[in-house]
Amino acid sequence: MRLLLLVAATVGVLFTGLESERYGASASPAARKATGKAFHFKSPSGNIQCRMDAASVNCLLVTNSWRRLKPRPANCDVDWIPTDMAMFLDPKSGRWKVDIGGCRGDVGPLCYRADPCFVLRYGHSVVSRDYASAARGIRCASAINGITCTKIGRTPGLRGFRIARQGYAVF
């Protein structure tokens, strides 16, 4: 029990404002400002690397054994990453959407020295909430068979995705 409390306290210190249970109505102004800031995490193997905030999560699979990869769109003139998955709240429609494959000219959710990742251990999850809307956010959970990210709240649209070396699912 002490180890669990120590781990919870450490995560709370590292990611102030990200854990939904950490702050309630009595949160300080500084804590409320920290809420929803983007952060990186990765699976214990390092094969799945993600960047997350309260309105989006983007995960990249480094090594895959997917049977079919989405082809590069004709309008993609930069790097095409077919194993990039993103869930985001569309500002125009107000609905959650999932994209498979990423046309990007940056490192995306990859971990690197200037913006390091923390390891999301198997059996653990991380939550990022938008406290301005109270009941909206994302939860990502790590398991041996991949990372599953789901929306929090009743906002319309898709519920989430699971990404793994063997494949993916959108639900």
Foldseek 3Di string as FASTA:
>chain_A
DVVVVVVVVVVCVVQQQFALVPDDPPDDPVSLVSAFDKAKAAAPVRQWIWIFGFFKIKIAGNAADEPDFDDDDPPQPADKGQRIKMWGQDPVPRAIDMDGIDRDDDPHRHADDVGHHHYQYAPGKTWGHNVVVPFWGKIWHHHPAFIWIAITDDGHYWGTKTHGRHGMDTD
